[in-house]
Protein backbone atom coordinates (compact mmCIF):
# COMPACT_ATOMS: atom_id res chain seq x y z
CA MET A 1 -7.34 16.70 -7.56
CA ALA A 2 -6.74 20.03 -9.28
CA ASP A 3 -9.33 22.75 -9.78
CA GLY A 4 -11.75 21.94 -12.57
CA GLU A 5 -11.39 18.18 -12.15
CA ILE A 6 -14.26 16.13 -10.85
CA ASN A 7 -14.44 12.52 -9.81
CA GLY A 8 -17.80 11.05 -10.67
CA THR A 9 -17.44 8.31 -8.10
CA ALA A 10 -14.89 7.27 -5.54
CA ALA A 11 -12.44 4.68 -6.83
CA GLN A 12 -13.30 2.39 -3.94
CA GLN A 13 -16.90 2.23 -5.18
CA ARG A 14 -15.62 0.93 -8.51
CA THR A 15 -13.79 -2.08 -7.10
CA THR A 16 -15.02 -5.11 -8.99
CA LYS A 17 -12.25 -7.57 -8.16
CA SER A 18 -10.03 -8.29 -5.23
CA ASP A 19 -6.27 -8.07 -5.66
CA ASN A 20 -6.19 -11.85 -6.02
CA ASP A 21 -8.71 -12.10 -8.89
CA GLY A 22 -6.58 -11.06 -11.84
CA PRO A 23 -3.07 -10.20 -12.97
CA HIS A 24 -1.08 -9.14 -9.94
CA VAL A 25 -0.07 -5.53 -10.54
CA SER A 26 -0.26 -4.09 -7.05
CA ALA A 27 3.52 -3.79 -7.05
CA PHE A 28 3.31 -1.09 -9.75
CA PRO A 29 5.05 1.86 -8.13
CA PRO A 30 3.19 5.09 -7.47
CA ILE A 31 4.01 7.77 -10.00
CA MET A 32 4.87 11.10 -8.38
CA GLY A 33 3.54 9.63 -5.12
CA ILE A 34 0.11 8.86 -6.59
CA VAL A 35 -1.29 5.38 -7.18
CA PRO A 36 -2.29 5.17 -10.86
CA TYR A 37 -5.83 4.56 -12.09
CA VAL A 38 -7.56 3.32 -15.21
CA GLY A 39 -10.84 4.86 -16.21
CA ILE A 40 -12.85 7.18 -18.39
CA VAL A 41 -12.80 10.95 -18.75
CA TRP A 42 -14.76 13.77 -20.36
CA GLY A 43 -13.84 17.38 -20.96
CA VAL A 44 -17.08 19.26 -20.20
CA ARG A 45 -17.52 22.91 -21.06
CA ASP A 46 -20.32 25.01 -19.64
CA GLY A 47 -20.69 28.06 -21.86
CA ARG A 48 -17.43 29.75 -22.72
CA GLY A 49 -15.52 28.57 -19.67
CA PRO A 50 -12.57 26.18 -19.71
CA LEU A 51 -13.00 22.43 -20.12
CA ARG A 52 -13.60 20.74 -16.78
CA LEU A 53 -12.49 17.14 -16.41
CA VAL A 54 -15.17 14.72 -15.29
CA ILE A 55 -13.70 11.34 -14.37
CA ASP A 56 -14.84 7.87 -13.37
CA HIS A 57 -11.90 5.63 -12.47
CA THR A 58 -10.78 2.43 -10.79
CA LEU A 59 -7.63 1.59 -8.88
CA LEU A 60 -5.30 -0.41 -11.07
CA THR A 61 -5.39 -3.31 -8.62
CA ALA A 62 -9.19 -3.51 -9.00
CA ALA A 63 -9.39 -3.15 -12.80
CA GLU A 64 -10.96 -5.70 -15.13
CA THR A 65 -8.99 -7.74 -17.64
CA CYS A 66 -9.76 -7.18 -21.32
CA GLY A 67 -7.31 -9.12 -23.48
CA ASP A 68 -3.81 -7.98 -22.52
CA ASN A 69 -5.13 -4.86 -20.82
CA LEU A 70 -6.49 -3.87 -17.45
CA THR A 71 -9.38 -1.45 -17.85
CA HIS A 72 -12.17 0.33 -16.05
CA PRO A 73 -15.20 -1.96 -15.83
CA HIS A 74 -17.69 0.70 -16.96
CA GLY A 75 -18.23 2.35 -20.33
CA HIS A 76 -18.87 5.97 -21.19
CA HIS A 77 -22.52 5.41 -22.11
CA GLU A 78 -23.29 3.43 -18.95
CA VAL A 79 -21.71 5.95 -16.58
CA TRP A 80 -23.11 9.03 -18.36
CA GLU A 81 -26.65 7.64 -18.44
CA GLY A 82 -26.43 6.85 -14.72
CA TRP A 83 -25.45 10.45 -14.07
CA ARG A 84 -28.17 11.82 -16.37
CA ARG A 85 -30.84 9.91 -14.43
CA LEU A 86 -29.80 11.83 -11.31
CA GLY A 87 -31.06 15.09 -12.83
CA PRO A 88 -29.42 18.51 -12.67
CA VAL A 89 -30.02 19.19 -8.97
CA SER A 90 -28.52 15.90 -7.78
CA LEU A 91 -25.64 16.22 -10.22
CA ALA A 92 -24.80 19.66 -8.85
CA ARG A 93 -25.01 18.38 -5.25
CA ARG A 94 -22.43 15.72 -6.16
CA GLY A 95 -20.12 18.31 -7.70
CA LEU A 96 -20.87 17.18 -11.25
CA PRO A 97 -21.84 19.65 -13.99
CA ALA A 98 -25.63 19.95 -14.18
CA LEU A 99 -25.43 20.13 -17.96
CA ILE A 100 -24.73 16.38 -18.04
CA ALA A 101 -28.50 15.98 -17.68
CA TRP A 102 -29.11 17.69 -21.04
CA HIS A 103 -26.47 16.13 -23.29
CA GLU A 104 -25.65 12.70 -24.71
CA TYR A 105 -22.41 11.06 -23.58
CA GLU A 106 -20.69 11.60 -26.93
CA TYR A 107 -21.39 15.34 -27.00
CA PHE A 108 -18.21 16.27 -25.11
CA PRO A 109 -14.61 15.14 -25.78
CA ARG A 110 -13.84 11.91 -23.96
CA GLY A 111 -11.17 9.29 -23.46
CA ARG A 112 -10.11 6.14 -21.64
CA VAL A 113 -6.94 5.09 -19.79
CA VAL A 114 -5.97 1.40 -19.91
CA PHE A 115 -2.93 -0.51 -18.67
CA ASN A 116 -1.18 -2.99 -20.98
CA VAL A 117 0.09 -5.82 -18.77
CA PRO A 118 2.77 -7.37 -21.07
CA GLY A 119 4.19 -3.93 -21.91
CA SER A 120 3.71 -2.63 -18.35
CA ARG A 121 2.52 0.68 -19.82
CA PHE A 122 -0.55 2.89 -19.62
CA THR A 123 -2.28 4.27 -22.72
CA LEU A 124 -4.68 7.20 -22.94
CA PHE A 125 -7.03 6.90 -25.91
CA ALA A 126 -8.69 10.28 -26.29
CA ASP A 127 -10.32 12.94 -28.41
CA SER A 128 -7.72 15.38 -29.77
CA ARG A 129 -9.06 18.17 -27.51
CA LEU A 130 -8.04 16.19 -24.43
CA GLN A 131 -4.59 15.73 -25.97
CA ALA A 132 -4.04 19.48 -26.36
CA PRO A 133 -0.98 20.87 -24.54
CA ASN A 134 -3.14 22.72 -22.01
CA MET A 135 -5.29 19.63 -21.27
CA LEU A 136 -3.05 16.55 -21.50
CA PRO A 137 -1.06 17.18 -18.28
CA ARG A 138 -4.33 17.67 -16.37
CA VAL A 139 -5.82 14.45 -17.74
CA LEU A 140 -2.72 12.42 -16.94
CA ARG A 141 -2.39 13.94 -13.47
CA ALA A 142 -6.03 13.05 -12.72
CA PHE A 143 -5.14 9.39 -13.33
CA GLY A 144 -1.90 9.56 -11.33
CA LEU A 145 0.20 9.42 -14.50
CA ASP A 146 2.77 11.37 -16.47
CA LEU A 147 4.02 11.14 -20.07
CA ALA A 148 6.97 8.98 -19.05
CA HIS A 149 4.53 6.22 -18.04
CA CYS A 150 1.70 6.70 -20.53
CA ALA A 151 1.37 6.56 -24.30
CA VAL A 152 -1.23 8.90 -25.81
CA ARG A 153 -3.23 7.79 -28.84
CA PRO A 154 -6.17 9.09 -30.86
CA ASP A 155 -9.18 6.82 -31.19
CA PRO A 156 -12.18 7.34 -33.48
CA HIS A 157 -14.50 6.03 -30.74
CA TYR A 158 -13.76 9.06 -28.59
CA ARG A 159 -14.51 11.89 -31.01
CA SER A 160 -16.96 14.48 -29.75
CA THR A 161 -20.14 15.10 -31.73
CA HIS A 162 -19.95 18.81 -30.82
CA ASP A 163 -17.37 21.33 -31.94
CA LEU A 164 -16.48 23.19 -28.77
């Protein structure tokens, strides 16, 4: 993972299904040598510094089915509130920004990566700030993706309540 990118939890801890429980996608080839993930992401800024990616993701083979898509089994609110309950000291010990403890989950720009099974394509739904030219490659790389394998779409659900 590149500098400024943080995994909130290990992907193995987010396994909710075995490879035999849902659509069989384990044959999806690694992209640039990295197994792709689905999950959620925030761009967190502490002061005037650059946005740091904070990510919670799941291996594609362990994702949950939602209609035609495979998705991360946890929502932004659920994950963020779990982190907030840790408090600033425990967050910092885990490598997460301590300021998570003082903000609501919708304060920072956020997004979600899903995999559409019939189309065999990933989609990033994200706040426009995570789609900026200096951020988008970092977000995609954190999920083991590139633009050739992932559509990028805005979504009103993922708009930040704060103007960074």
